[in-house]
C-alpha atoms as a PDB file:
ATOM      1  CA  ASP A   1       0.000   0.000   0.000  1.00  0.00           C
ATOM      2  CA  LYS A   2       2.982   2.309   0.426  1.00  0.00           C
ATOM      3  CA  LEU A   3       4.769   1.608  -2.840  1.00  0.00           C
ATOM      4  CA  LEU A   4       2.343   3.325  -5.198  1.00  0.00           C
ATOM      5  CA  PRO A   5       2.323   6.666  -3.347  1.00  0.00           C
ATOM      6  CA  LEU A   6       6.133   6.641  -3.471  1.00  0.00           C
ATOM      7  CA  LEU A   7       6.114   5.871  -7.203  1.00  0.00           C
ATOM      8  CA  LEU A   8       3.576   8.613  -7.888  1.00  0.00           C
ATOM      9  CA  LYS A   9       5.582  11.093  -5.826  1.00  0.00           C
ATOM     10  CA  PHE A  10       8.637  10.176  -7.901  1.00  0.00           C
ATOM     11  CA  VAL A  11       6.693  10.551 -11.172  1.00  0.00           C
ATOM     12  CA  GLU A  12       5.332  13.921 -10.085  1.00  0.00           C
ATOM     13  CA  ASN A  13       8.806  15.420 -10.505  1.00  0.00           C
ATOM     14  CA  LEU A  14       9.542  13.867 -13.897  1.00  0.00           C
ATOM     15  CA  ASP A  15       9.235  15.423 -17.316  1.00  0.00           C
ATOM     16  CA  ILE A  16       7.306  13.526 -19.981  1.00  0.00           C
ATOM     17  CA  GLY A  17      10.571  13.157 -21.934  1.00  0.00           C
ATOM     18  CA  ASP A  18      12.520  11.794 -18.974  1.00  0.00           C
ATOM     19  CA  GLY A  19      13.637   8.192 -19.486  1.00  0.00           C
ATOM     20  CA  ARG A  20      12.991   7.457 -15.812  1.00  0.00           C
ATOM     21  CA  LEU A  21       9.267   7.932 -16.462  1.00  0.00           C
ATOM     22  CA  GLN A  22       9.234   4.767 -18.559  1.00  0.00           C
ATOM     23  CA  SER A  23      10.879   2.817 -15.727  1.00  0.00           C
ATOM     24  CA  ALA A  24       8.442   4.237 -13.185  1.00  0.00           C
ATOM     25  CA  ASN A  25       5.505   3.381 -15.443  1.00  0.00           C
ATOM     26  CA  GLU A  26       6.757  -0.188 -15.787  1.00  0.00           C
ATOM     27  CA  CYS A  27       6.843  -0.467 -11.981  1.00  0.00           C
ATOM     28  CA  ILE A  28       3.341   0.988 -11.737  1.00  0.00           C
ATOM     29  CA  ALA A  29       2.059  -1.416 -14.402  1.00  0.00           C
ATOM     30  CA  VAL A  30       3.362  -4.405 -12.427  1.00  0.00           C
ATOM     31  CA  TRP A  31       2.030  -3.016  -9.155  1.00  0.00           C
ATOM     32  CA  VAL A  32      -1.526  -2.525 -10.456  1.00  0.00           C
ATOM     33  CA  ARG A  33      -1.643  -6.130 -11.653  1.00  0.00           C
ATOM     34  CA  ILE A  34      -1.197  -7.405  -8.088  1.00  0.00           C
ATOM     35  CA  ALA A  35      -2.836  -4.566  -6.141  1.00  0.00           C
ATOM     36  CA  PRO A  36      -6.337  -4.776  -4.705  1.00  0.00           C
ATOM     37  CA  PRO A  37      -8.824  -3.539  -7.334  1.00  0.00           C
ATOM     38  CA  ALA A  38     -10.304  -0.988  -4.919  1.00  0.00           C
ATOM     39  CA  ILE A  39      -6.941   0.740  -4.534  1.00  0.00           C
ATOM     40  CA  VAL A  40      -6.323   0.748  -8.286  1.00  0.00           C
ATOM     41  CA  THR A  41      -9.760   2.273  -8.826  1.00  0.00           C
ATOM     42  CA  GLN A  42      -9.172   4.906  -6.171  1.00  0.00           C
ATOM     43  CA  VAL A  43      -5.775   5.866  -7.614  1.00  0.00           C
ATOM     44  CA  SER A  44      -7.207   6.025 -11.140  1.00  0.00           C
ATOM     45  CA  LYS A  45      -9.980   8.352 -10.050  1.00  0.00           C
ATOM     46  CA  LYS A  46      -7.454  10.592  -8.268  1.00  0.00           C
ATOM     47  CA  LEU A  47      -5.314  10.693 -11.406  1.00  0.00           C
ATOM     48  CA  LEU A  48      -8.334  11.591 -13.530  1.00  0.00           C
ATOM     49  CA  GLN A  49      -9.178  14.380 -11.114  1.00  0.00           C
ATOM     50  CA  LEU A  50      -5.582  15.602 -11.182  1.00  0.00           C
ATOM     51  CA  ILE A  51      -5.559  15.600 -14.988  1.00  0.00           C
ATOM     52  CA  LEU A  52      -8.797  17.548 -15.161  1.00  0.00           C
ATOM     53  CA  THR A  53      -7.706  20.156 -12.630  1.00  0.00           C
ATOM     54  CA  SER A  54      -4.321  20.512 -14.330  1.00  0.00           C
ATOM     55  CA  THR A  55      -5.934  21.203 -17.694  1.00  0.00           C
ATOM     56  CA  ALA A  56      -7.499  24.319 -16.202  1.00  0.00           C
ATOM     57  CA  ASN A  57      -3.997  25.858 -16.231  1.00  0.00           C
ATOM     58  CA  ALA A  58      -3.030  26.708 -19.788  1.00  0.00           C
ATOM     59  CA  ASN A  59       0.740  26.870 -19.392  1.00  0.00           C
ATOM     60  CA  SER A  60       3.544  24.602 -20.548  1.00  0.00           C
ATOM     61  CA  THR A  61       4.305  23.307 -17.044  1.00  0.00           C
ATOM     62  CA  ALA A  62       0.670  22.237 -16.601  1.00  0.00           C
ATOM     63  CA  ASN A  63       0.653  20.663 -20.072  1.00  0.00           C
ATOM     64  CA  ASN A  64       3.774  18.660 -19.236  1.00  0.00           C
ATOM     65  CA  SER A  65       2.209  17.569 -15.968  1.00  0.00           C
ATOM     66  CA  VAL A  66      -0.972  16.468 -17.743  1.00  0.00           C
ATOM     67  CA  ALA A  67       1.053  14.517 -20.304  1.00  0.00           C
ATOM     68  CA  THR A  68       2.987  12.775 -17.525  1.00  0.00           C
ATOM     69  CA  TRP A  69      -0.172  11.814 -15.611  1.00  0.00           C
ATOM     70  CA  ILE A  70      -1.867  10.608 -18.806  1.00  0.00           C
ATOM     71  CA  ALA A  71       1.165   8.382 -19.448  1.00  0.00           C
ATOM     72  CA  VAL A  72       0.785   6.937 -15.948  1.00  0.00           C
ATOM     73  CA  LEU A  73      -2.942   6.446 -16.400  1.00  0.00           C
ATOM     74  CA  LEU A  74      -2.378   4.627 -19.689  1.00  0.00           C
ATOM     75  CA  VAL A  75      -0.366   1.895 -17.953  1.00  0.00           C
ATOM     76  CA  ILE A  76      -3.115   1.489 -15.358  1.00  0.00           C
ATOM     77  CA  ILE A  77      -5.984   1.127 -17.858  1.00  0.00           C
ATOM     78  CA  PRO A  78      -5.548  -2.634 -18.480  1.00  0.00           C
ATOM     79  CA  SER A  79      -6.192  -3.247 -14.771  1.00  0.00           C
ATOM     80  CA  LEU A  80      -9.366  -1.156 -14.589  1.00  0.00           C
ATOM     81  CA  SER A  81     -12.933  -2.286 -14.739  1.00  0.00           C
ATOM     82  CA  GLU A  82     -14.544  -1.814 -18.140  1.00  0.00           C
ATOM     83  CA  SER A  83     -16.750   1.031 -16.920  1.00  0.00           C
ATOM     84  CA  LEU A  84     -13.815   2.949 -15.447  1.00  0.00           C
ATOM     85  CA  ALA A  85     -11.687   2.319 -18.549  1.00  0.00           C
ATOM     86  CA  VAL A  86     -14.496   3.819 -20.660  1.00  0.00           C
ATOM     87  CA  LEU A  87     -14.647   6.830 -18.327  1.00  0.00           C
ATOM     88  CA  VAL A  88     -10.878   7.322 -18.656  1.00  0.00           C
ATOM     89  CA  TYR A  89     -11.152   7.083 -22.439  1.00  0.00           C
ATOM     90  CA  ARG A  90     -13.989   9.596 -22.583  1.00  0.00           C
ATOM     91  CA  THR A  91     -12.085  11.975 -20.323  1.00  0.00           C
ATOM     92  CA  VAL A  92      -8.658  11.742 -21.919  1.00  0.00           C
ATOM     93  CA  ARG A  93      -9.619  11.474 -25.600  1.00  0.00           C
ATOM     94  CA  PRO A  94     -10.784  15.108 -25.952  1.00  0.00           C
ATOM     95  CA  LEU A  95      -7.578  16.288 -24.271  1.00  0.00           C
ATOM     96  CA  LEU A  96      -5.497  14.343 -26.776  1.00  0.00           C
ATOM     97  CA  LEU A  97      -7.497  15.694 -29.706  1.00  0.00           C
ATOM     98  CA  LEU A  98      -6.948  19.266 -28.499  1.00  0.00           C
ATOM     99  CA  ALA A  99      -3.218  18.794 -27.932  1.00  0.00           C
ATOM    100  CA  PRO A 100      -0.955  20.903 -30.132  1.00  0.00           C
ATOM    101  CA  ARG A 101       0.736  18.915 -32.875  1.00  0.00           C
END
């Protein structure tokens, strides 16, 4: 129960282009496969909330933060219930479509 908060705290300080993010995401992906579903659901909802509140800030730091949290959320999706995975998709898809190219 203490590993995921430490991993998320570590990820919070990473840039989307940082190679350590991939390593952290691999750890998170393994953790969610063995974690209790209730905790995975709770963390996913917190990440969704964080992404939505971060998108309210239209600056490059906020955009980088959103991209990092979306990357984390993407590795969690396979462990989510179908209904929560659909909610994540419906929430994140518009953000990806609006992203500058």
